Amino acid sequence: MTHPKKATQLGLGAVILLGLNGILGSGIFLLPGKMYKLSGNFSLVLILLAALATLTIALCFADMASRVSGNGAAWLYTYHAFGRFPGFIIGFLAWIQGIITIAAEIAALLNTLQFFMPSLKQTLPYNLLGTVLIIVLAVINLAGDKLSGLADNISSVAKLLVLGAFILIGIWVMKGSNFVQTSHYNFGNYSQAFNIIFYMFAGFSFLPIAASDMANAKRNLPIAMIVVTVLVAVIYGAAQLVVIGLLGPNIINGTTPVAAAFATVLGQSGQLVILLGMLVSILGVAISVSFSTPFVASSLANEEQLLPAIIGKKTKNGTPWMSILLTTLASIALLFSGDYLFLTSCVVIIAIIQYLATALATIKSQRDTDARDDGWQLPLGPVIPILAIAFSIYILAGAPLKTWAFGGISIVIGLVLYVVDQQIFRKGEQHAPR
């Protein structure tokens, strides 16, 4: 499955920035207090463990990306390894994951804006502004790759500068006494904290979705995924270290711990800098995910006819306008119905199902392919995919019941769409001229 090369394909540097922007979002700014409340200083170790888990999964994605060309990521890999129906289910869940992520990031953005606009604590202004923001994201994507790429690069650089300044300044003034803790934590708390931390890495899986927009994707995509995962782990670990070092147990007070931590160093101006950085960071993730998500639906429709053809409709410049429209409407509906923490937990459980499928597809593809001279090959045979499967099962086991229910409902909806569409598609095949 090949695609014609575009004049505006993304190079390795742009792909790395796209990956960083897709991962570094609301979590690093809003969740350190929740992580500390559940696991204390051990949250630093859990960040490293979550990074290790993510890296094993990212390596599976990288291996499959070097084997399979085309837009789609997890669903496309599952389709090639296991067939039409499993591929559809994973693709549909990938689309749902993107929709939830957009809603979650916009919810985080609105919660942050409440510092400047207290009226957003009321339902009507909250929903109205959220709707406008999601529509703006759709307009940016409808404008094509150039505008989306420019917005992505600007937000990536801005958030890295803000986080870099916070870490470099804060690390010199944090206090060792803030790392002394008397609270005790149990395994259940550690498990909850791990799941929360894992959400902060979940955006990496959207990187391969628009693979055909990347120059030399079989080479650059695996490199980018590894580099991005390592860089994000370093940034998350350093940021959590500085927040604890500046606030200590007070980290659990308030909803914006990073801003509160910087306020102890630079006062009100420091808090304002972080809040503005938060807005740019969160908006950047929303832009990145809103760019990638419609490609899931359009590739399901266009490349393997797993969704009605109308969902794959594109503009003259290749922008999937119908899937952008449907993604926008669904994101608005979820924004109205879910809170930030619930949405993040739903992202995790739906993402994990895709990770399991990709790891299994990697094992199967390794067995089906004796050797390859091109692309990138995963070392150690099935060892890394097996580790990815183990991590995924552990995370699934600790997921709340209500997120399991959401995942189950999503799968049922997908099943209904698949059955209805395949009946129409088969009927069309039967009556088509031979």
Protein backbone atom coordinates (compact mmCIF):
# COMPACT_ATOMS: atom_id res chain seq x y z
CA MET A 1 0.00 0.00 0.00
CA THR A 2 1.95 3.05 -1.19
CA HIS A 3 1.24 6.72 -1.45
CA PRO A 4 2.60 9.32 -3.84
CA LYS A 5 5.23 11.53 -2.33
CA LYS A 6 4.07 15.03 -1.47
CA ALA A 7 6.09 18.17 -1.97
CA THR A 8 5.52 19.20 1.64
CA GLN A 9 6.44 15.95 3.40
CA LEU A 10 7.66 16.21 6.99
CA GLY A 11 11.34 15.66 7.70
CA LEU A 12 12.78 13.89 10.77
CA GLY A 13 13.01 17.08 12.84
CA ALA A 14 9.41 18.03 12.10
CA VAL A 15 8.25 14.50 12.92
CA ILE A 16 10.04 14.65 16.30
CA LEU A 17 8.41 18.00 17.05
CA LEU A 18 5.04 16.54 16.03
CA GLY A 19 5.60 13.66 18.45
CA LEU A 20 6.66 15.91 21.33
CA ASN A 21 3.67 18.14 20.72
CA GLY A 22 1.34 15.15 20.67
CA ILE A 23 2.54 13.93 24.07
CA LEU A 24 3.55 16.99 26.11
CA GLY A 25 0.14 18.35 27.00
CA SER A 26 -2.11 18.84 29.97
CA GLY A 27 -0.82 15.92 32.01
CA ILE A 28 2.55 17.36 32.94
CA PHE A 29 0.89 20.54 34.23
CA LEU A 30 -2.26 19.20 35.90
CA LEU A 31 -1.41 15.71 37.20
CA PRO A 32 1.81 15.96 39.31
CA GLY A 33 -0.23 16.58 42.47
CA LYS A 34 -2.47 13.57 41.85
CA MET A 35 0.58 11.42 41.13
CA TYR A 36 2.27 12.55 44.36
CA LYS A 37 -0.86 12.06 46.43
CA LEU A 38 -1.03 8.42 45.34
CA SER A 39 2.68 7.53 45.38
CA GLY A 40 4.77 10.29 46.95
CA ASN A 41 8.41 10.45 45.87
CA PHE A 42 7.96 7.05 44.25
CA SER A 43 6.11 8.90 41.46
CA LEU A 44 9.59 9.63 40.05
CA VAL A 45 10.25 5.89 39.74
CA LEU A 46 6.79 5.31 38.28
CA ILE A 47 7.52 7.86 35.55
CA LEU A 48 10.58 5.84 34.57
CA LEU A 49 8.58 2.60 34.63
CA ALA A 50 5.82 4.18 32.52
CA ALA A 51 8.48 5.39 30.09
CA LEU A 52 9.90 1.86 29.89
CA ALA A 53 6.42 0.46 29.25
CA THR A 54 5.82 3.09 26.58
CA LEU A 55 9.18 2.40 24.97
CA THR A 56 8.46 -1.32 24.58
CA ILE A 57 5.14 -0.46 22.92
CA ALA A 58 6.68 2.31 20.80
CA LEU A 59 9.31 -0.15 19.57
CA CYS A 60 6.50 -2.47 18.41
CA PHE A 61 4.92 0.45 16.55
CA ALA A 62 8.32 1.32 15.08
CA ASP A 63 8.88 -2.25 13.88
CA MET A 64 5.44 -2.42 12.27
CA ALA A 65 5.85 1.04 10.73
CA SER A 66 8.97 -0.23 8.94
CA ARG A 67 7.03 -3.25 7.62
CA VAL A 68 3.72 -1.64 6.61
CA SER A 69 3.34 1.54 4.56
CA GLY A 70 0.31 3.79 4.72
CA ASN A 71 -1.80 5.87 7.09
CA GLY A 72 -3.41 4.11 10.02
CA ALA A 73 -0.86 2.90 12.61
CA ALA A 74 -2.35 0.30 14.99
CA TRP A 75 -5.40 -0.58 12.89
CA LEU A 76 -3.33 -0.97 9.73
CA TYR A 77 -0.82 -3.23 11.49
CA THR A 78 -3.64 -5.32 12.96
CA TYR A 79 -5.34 -5.53 9.57
CA HIS A 80 -2.21 -6.85 7.87
CA ALA A 81 -1.52 -9.35 10.65
CA PHE A 82 -5.00 -10.63 11.54
CA GLY A 83 -7.43 -9.56 8.85
CA ARG A 84 -10.34 -7.30 8.11
CA PHE A 85 -12.53 -7.48 11.20
CA PRO A 86 -9.80 -7.13 13.89
CA GLY A 87 -8.32 -4.29 11.85
CA PHE A 88 -11.63 -2.47 11.82
CA ILE A 89 -12.16 -2.80 15.60
CA ILE A 90 -8.70 -1.43 16.38
CA GLY A 91 -9.14 1.35 13.82
CA PHE A 92 -12.48 2.37 15.23
CA LEU A 93 -11.01 2.45 18.75
CA ALA A 94 -8.08 4.55 17.50
CA TRP A 95 -10.57 7.05 16.11
CA ILE A 96 -12.45 7.06 19.43
CA GLN A 97 -9.18 7.56 21.32
CA GLY A 98 -8.38 10.62 19.25
CA ILE A 99 -11.86 12.06 19.77
CA ILE A 100 -11.62 11.55 23.55
CA THR A 101 -8.15 13.08 23.64
CA ILE A 102 -9.34 16.19 21.83
CA ALA A 103 -12.21 16.55 24.31
CA ALA A 104 -9.91 15.92 27.29
CA GLU A 105 -7.34 18.49 26.18
CA ILE A 106 -9.98 21.12 25.50
CA ALA A 107 -11.47 20.38 28.96
CA ALA A 108 -8.01 20.90 30.46
CA LEU A 109 -7.62 24.12 28.49
CA LEU A 110 -10.93 25.45 29.76
CA ASN A 111 -10.06 24.51 33.34
CA THR A 112 -6.79 26.42 33.01
CA LEU A 113 -8.52 29.43 31.48
CA GLN A 114 -10.72 29.66 34.58
CA PHE A 115 -7.78 31.38 36.28
CA PHE A 116 -8.21 34.27 33.82
CA MET A 117 -11.95 33.88 33.16
CA PRO A 118 -13.84 32.74 36.30
CA SER A 119 -17.10 32.76 34.33
CA LEU A 120 -15.93 29.50 32.68
CA LYS A 121 -16.80 27.71 35.92
CA GLN A 122 -20.40 28.01 34.73
CA THR A 123 -21.71 25.35 32.35
CA LEU A 124 -22.98 27.56 29.51
CA PRO A 125 -19.83 29.68 28.96
CA TYR A 126 -17.71 26.55 29.41
CA ASN A 127 -19.59 24.63 26.72
CA LEU A 128 -19.80 27.59 24.33
CA LEU A 129 -16.08 28.37 24.42
CA GLY A 130 -15.22 24.67 24.23
CA THR A 131 -17.35 24.34 21.11
CA VAL A 132 -15.67 27.36 19.52
CA LEU A 133 -12.18 26.00 20.26
CA ILE A 134 -12.93 22.59 18.77
CA ILE A 135 -14.37 24.25 15.65
CA VAL A 136 -11.22 26.39 15.36
CA LEU A 137 -9.14 23.19 15.43
CA ALA A 138 -11.27 21.83 12.59
CA VAL A 139 -10.76 25.00 10.54
CA ILE A 140 -6.99 24.78 11.04
CA ASN A 141 -7.00 21.20 9.79
CA LEU A 142 -9.25 22.00 6.85
CA ALA A 143 -6.68 24.58 5.77
CA GLY A 144 -4.27 21.72 5.11
CA ASP A 145 -0.88 20.42 6.22
CA LYS A 146 1.02 23.71 6.03
CA LEU A 147 -1.07 25.62 8.57
CA SER A 148 -1.38 22.60 10.87
CA GLY A 149 2.37 22.00 10.69
CA LEU A 150 3.15 25.65 11.40
CA ALA A 151 0.82 25.75 14.41
CA ASP A 152 2.27 22.46 15.65
CA ASN A 153 5.87 23.65 15.39
CA ILE A 154 5.16 26.96 17.13
CA SER A 155 3.37 25.31 20.04
CA SER A 156 6.08 22.63 20.32
CA VAL A 157 8.88 25.17 20.60
CA ALA A 158 6.90 27.36 23.02
CA LYS A 159 6.08 24.53 25.44
CA LEU A 160 9.66 23.23 25.38
CA LEU A 161 10.95 26.70 26.22
CA VAL A 162 8.51 27.09 29.13
CA LEU A 163 9.19 23.62 30.56
CA GLY A 164 12.93 24.07 30.02
CA ALA A 165 12.93 27.38 31.89
CA PHE A 166 10.90 25.87 34.73
CA ILE A 167 13.26 22.90 35.10
CA LEU A 168 16.54 24.83 34.73
CA ILE A 169 15.53 27.58 37.16
CA GLY A 170 13.67 25.40 39.64
CA ILE A 171 16.35 22.74 39.98
CA TRP A 172 18.75 25.29 41.53
CA VAL A 173 16.38 26.50 44.24
CA MET A 174 14.47 23.36 45.25
CA LYS A 175 14.91 22.17 48.83
CA GLY A 176 16.08 18.73 49.90
CA SER A 177 13.78 18.85 52.92
CA ASN A 178 10.78 18.73 50.59
CA PHE A 179 11.70 15.17 49.65
CA VAL A 180 11.27 13.92 53.21
CA GLN A 181 7.91 12.19 53.50
CA THR A 182 6.18 10.32 56.32
CA SER A 183 3.14 9.01 54.45
CA HIS A 184 2.94 5.35 53.44
CA TYR A 185 1.43 4.10 50.20
CA ASN A 186 0.06 0.71 49.19
CA PHE A 187 0.30 -1.25 45.95
CA GLY A 188 -3.18 -0.15 44.89
CA ASN A 189 -2.16 3.49 45.10
CA TYR A 190 0.96 2.82 43.06
CA SER A 191 -1.14 1.07 40.42
CA GLN A 192 -3.52 4.03 40.16
CA ALA A 193 -0.61 6.45 39.92
CA PHE A 194 1.02 4.35 37.20
CA ASN A 195 -2.15 4.44 35.12
CA ILE A 196 -2.37 8.22 35.50
CA ILE A 197 1.25 8.63 34.48
CA PHE A 198 0.80 6.30 31.53
CA TYR A 199 -1.88 8.61 30.15
CA MET A 200 0.76 11.31 29.79
CA PHE A 201 2.64 9.13 27.28
CA ALA A 202 -0.41 7.96 25.30
CA GLY A 203 -0.09 10.50 22.48
CA PHE A 204 2.89 8.72 20.90
CA SER A 205 0.60 6.26 19.13
CA PHE A 206 -0.79 9.00 16.88
CA LEU A 207 2.61 9.70 15.35
CA PRO A 208 2.48 6.93 12.70
CA ILE A 209 -1.12 7.66 11.67
CA ALA A 210 -0.20 10.17 8.98
CA ALA A 211 2.88 8.23 7.86
CA SER A 212 2.38 9.07 4.19
CA ASP A 213 2.96 12.75 5.06
CA MET A 214 6.48 11.92 6.30
CA ALA A 215 9.61 11.80 4.20
CA ASN A 216 11.24 8.34 4.26
CA ALA A 217 8.77 7.15 6.90
CA LYS A 218 10.20 3.63 7.15
CA ARG A 219 13.50 5.08 8.38
CA ASN A 220 12.47 8.30 10.11
CA LEU A 221 9.38 7.11 11.96
CA PRO A 222 11.10 4.45 14.11
CA ILE A 223 13.91 6.87 14.98
CA ALA A 224 11.43 9.61 15.85
CA MET A 225 9.32 7.36 18.07
CA ILE A 226 12.33 6.23 20.11
CA VAL A 227 13.79 9.74 20.41
CA VAL A 228 10.43 11.24 21.38
CA THR A 229 9.74 8.62 24.07
CA VAL A 230 13.17 9.12 25.68
CA LEU A 231 12.95 12.93 25.56
CA VAL A 232 9.46 12.95 27.05
CA ALA A 233 10.53 10.65 29.89
CA VAL A 234 13.42 12.97 30.75
CA ILE A 235 11.17 16.04 30.69
CA TYR A 236 8.44 14.41 32.80
CA GLY A 237 10.90 13.09 35.36
CA ALA A 238 12.73 16.40 35.66
CA ALA A 239 9.50 18.40 35.95
CA GLN A 240 8.10 16.11 38.67
CA LEU A 241 11.43 16.29 40.54
CA VAL A 242 11.39 20.09 40.51
CA VAL A 243 7.73 20.35 41.53
CA ILE A 244 8.34 18.09 44.54
CA GLY A 245 11.54 19.95 45.37
CA LEU A 246 9.75 23.31 45.36
CA LEU A 247 6.45 22.36 47.00
CA GLY A 248 6.96 19.14 48.95
CA PRO A 249 3.68 17.76 50.35
CA ASN A 250 1.95 21.01 49.34
CA ILE A 251 2.01 19.68 45.79
CA ILE A 252 -1.39 18.08 46.42
CA ASN A 253 -3.03 21.47 47.07
CA GLY A 254 -4.60 23.24 44.11
CA THR A 255 -5.17 22.18 40.52
CA THR A 256 -2.07 23.64 38.82
CA PRO A 257 0.95 22.42 40.84
CA VAL A 258 3.58 23.41 38.26
CA ALA A 259 2.32 27.00 38.22
CA ALA A 260 2.20 27.03 42.03
CA ALA A 261 5.77 25.72 42.16
CA PHE A 262 7.09 28.42 39.82
CA ALA A 263 5.26 31.02 41.88
CA THR A 264 7.52 30.12 44.83
CA VAL A 265 10.50 31.11 42.69
CA LEU A 266 9.33 34.10 40.64
CA GLY A 267 6.11 35.07 42.39
CA GLN A 268 2.98 36.00 40.47
CA SER A 269 4.92 36.52 37.25
CA GLY A 270 6.26 32.96 37.43
CA GLN A 271 2.76 31.59 37.90
CA LEU A 272 1.54 33.61 34.93
CA VAL A 273 4.37 32.32 32.71
CA ILE A 274 3.51 28.72 33.53
CA LEU A 275 -0.21 29.24 33.03
CA LEU A 276 0.42 30.75 29.62
CA GLY A 277 2.78 27.88 28.85
CA MET A 278 0.08 25.45 29.92
CA LEU A 279 -2.37 27.01 27.50
CA VAL A 280 0.09 26.78 24.61
CA SER A 281 1.07 23.22 25.54
CA ILE A 282 -2.48 21.94 25.87
CA LEU A 283 -3.58 23.68 22.68
CA GLY A 284 -0.56 22.18 20.92
CA VAL A 285 -1.62 18.65 21.81
CA ALA A 286 -5.16 19.40 20.73
CA ILE A 287 -3.85 20.64 17.36
CA SER A 288 -1.60 17.63 16.93
CA VAL A 289 -4.28 15.06 17.80
CA SER A 290 -7.00 16.84 15.84
CA PHE A 291 -4.68 16.68 12.82
CA SER A 292 -3.99 12.93 13.19
CA THR A 293 -7.40 11.63 14.30
CA PRO A 294 -9.41 12.28 11.09
CA PHE A 295 -6.79 10.33 9.13
CA VAL A 296 -7.80 7.21 11.08
CA ALA A 297 -11.38 7.40 9.87
CA SER A 298 -10.47 8.42 6.32
CA SER A 299 -7.90 5.63 5.98
CA LEU A 300 -10.42 3.08 7.28
CA ALA A 301 -12.82 4.25 4.58
CA ASN A 302 -10.42 4.76 1.68
CA GLU A 303 -7.68 2.18 1.99
CA GLU A 304 -9.61 -0.94 2.96
CA GLN A 305 -13.30 0.11 2.67
CA LEU A 306 -13.97 -0.63 6.35
CA LEU A 307 -16.21 2.44 6.72
CA PRO A 308 -18.64 4.07 4.27
CA ALA A 309 -16.83 5.79 1.41
CA ILE A 310 -18.38 9.15 2.28
CA ILE A 311 -16.32 9.27 5.51
CA GLY A 312 -13.16 9.19 3.41
CA LYS A 313 -14.10 12.20 1.26
CA LYS A 314 -11.21 14.64 0.81
CA THR A 315 -10.65 18.14 -0.53
CA LYS A 316 -8.49 18.79 -3.58
CA ASN A 317 -5.41 19.17 -1.39
CA GLY A 318 -6.01 15.81 0.29
CA THR A 319 -7.61 17.02 3.53
CA PRO A 320 -10.19 14.50 4.86
CA TRP A 321 -13.01 17.01 5.35
CA MET A 322 -15.81 14.58 6.18
CA SER A 323 -13.85 12.76 8.90
CA ILE A 324 -12.78 16.15 10.29
CA LEU A 325 -16.45 17.13 10.52
CA LEU A 326 -17.47 13.89 12.25
CA THR A 327 -14.49 14.07 14.63
CA THR A 328 -15.41 17.65 15.52
CA LEU A 329 -19.04 16.83 16.29
CA ALA A 330 -18.12 13.80 18.40
CA SER A 331 -15.45 15.76 20.31
CA ILE A 332 -17.98 18.47 21.18
CA ALA A 333 -20.46 15.85 22.41
CA LEU A 334 -17.83 14.25 24.66
CA LEU A 335 -16.71 17.62 25.99
CA PHE A 336 -20.28 18.22 27.16
CA SER A 337 -20.60 14.83 28.81
CA GLY A 338 -17.31 14.03 30.54
CA ASP A 339 -14.86 15.54 33.05
CA TYR A 340 -11.10 15.68 32.52
CA LEU A 341 -10.02 12.78 34.77
CA PHE A 342 -12.73 10.46 33.43
CA LEU A 343 -11.78 11.27 29.85
CA THR A 344 -8.10 10.59 30.53
CA SER A 345 -8.90 7.19 32.03
CA CYS A 346 -10.99 6.34 28.96
CA VAL A 347 -8.07 7.27 26.71
CA VAL A 348 -5.83 4.83 28.57
CA ILE A 349 -8.09 1.77 28.34
CA ILE A 350 -8.87 2.30 24.66
CA ALA A 351 -5.22 2.97 23.85
CA ILE A 352 -4.11 -0.19 25.66
CA ILE A 353 -6.33 -2.38 23.49
CA GLN A 354 -4.58 -0.95 20.43
CA TYR A 355 -1.16 -1.50 22.00
CA LEU A 356 -2.00 -5.14 22.70
CA ALA A 357 -3.07 -5.65 19.11
CA THR A 358 0.10 -4.00 17.78
CA ALA A 359 2.37 -6.08 20.03
CA LEU A 360 0.61 -9.27 18.90
CA ALA A 361 0.84 -8.15 15.28
CA THR A 362 4.58 -7.59 15.76
CA ILE A 363 5.09 -11.15 17.01
CA LYS A 364 3.08 -12.58 14.11
CA SER A 365 4.89 -10.43 11.55
CA GLN A 366 8.27 -11.50 12.92
CA ARG A 367 7.29 -15.13 12.42
CA ASP A 368 5.92 -14.49 8.93
CA THR A 369 9.02 -12.60 7.78
CA ASP A 370 12.37 -14.37 7.90
CA ALA A 371 14.54 -11.34 7.16
CA ARG A 372 14.38 -7.82 5.80
CA ASP A 373 17.06 -5.78 4.11
CA ASP A 374 15.19 -2.47 4.25
CA GLY A 375 13.54 -0.49 7.00
CA TRP A 376 14.19 -1.03 10.70
CA GLN A 377 14.14 -4.33 12.54
CA LEU A 378 13.21 -4.82 16.20
CA PRO A 379 16.02 -6.50 18.17
CA LEU A 380 15.64 -9.48 20.58
CA GLY A 381 12.88 -11.14 18.56
CA PRO A 382 9.62 -11.54 20.54
CA VAL A 383 11.07 -10.35 23.87
CA ILE A 384 10.07 -6.68 23.54
CA PRO A 385 6.53 -7.41 22.23
CA ILE A 386 5.99 -9.85 25.12
CA LEU A 387 7.07 -7.15 27.60
CA ALA A 388 4.68 -4.72 25.89
CA ILE A 389 1.85 -7.24 26.27
CA ALA A 390 2.68 -7.75 29.97
CA PHE A 391 2.67 -4.00 30.66
CA SER A 392 -0.60 -3.62 28.78
CA ILE A 393 -2.35 -6.37 30.72
CA TYR A 394 -1.14 -4.86 34.01
CA ILE A 395 -2.59 -1.47 33.10
CA LEU A 396 -5.88 -2.97 31.94
CA ALA A 397 -6.21 -4.87 35.24
CA GLY A 398 -6.00 -1.62 37.19
CA ALA A 399 -8.51 0.33 35.09
CA PRO A 400 -11.71 1.55 36.84
CA LEU A 401 -14.95 -0.28 36.09
CA LYS A 402 -16.60 2.76 34.48
CA THR A 403 -13.79 3.03 31.94
CA TRP A 404 -14.20 -0.66 31.12
CA ALA A 405 -17.88 0.09 30.53
CA PHE A 406 -16.98 2.98 28.21
CA GLY A 407 -14.59 0.74 26.27
CA GLY A 408 -17.23 -1.97 25.98
CA ILE A 409 -19.85 0.47 24.71
CA SER A 410 -17.35 1.81 22.15
CA ILE A 411 -16.66 -1.70 20.86
CA VAL A 412 -20.40 -2.45 20.59
CA ILE A 413 -20.96 0.74 18.58
CA GLY A 414 -18.09 -0.27 16.32
CA LEU A 415 -19.55 -3.75 15.85
CA VAL A 416 -22.91 -2.29 14.81
CA LEU A 417 -21.28 0.07 12.30
CA TYR A 418 -19.17 -2.74 10.90
CA VAL A 419 -22.08 -5.14 10.43
CA VAL A 420 -24.31 -2.50 8.82
CA ASP A 421 -21.59 -1.18 6.52
CA GLN A 422 -20.37 -4.62 5.49
CA GLN A 423 -23.89 -5.68 4.58
CA ILE A 424 -24.20 -2.62 2.35
CA PHE A 425 -20.70 -3.10 0.97
CA ARG A 426 -21.29 -6.81 0.18
CA LYS A 427 -24.65 -6.00 -1.40
CA GLY A 428 -22.94 -3.43 -3.58
CA GLU A 429 -20.31 -6.00 -4.58
CA GLN A 430 -22.99 -8.53 -5.50
CA HIS A 431 -24.78 -6.09 -7.82
CA ALA A 432 -21.67 -4.53 -9.26
CA PRO A 433 -20.99 -5.22 -12.97
CA ARG A 434 -18.46 -7.96 -13.54
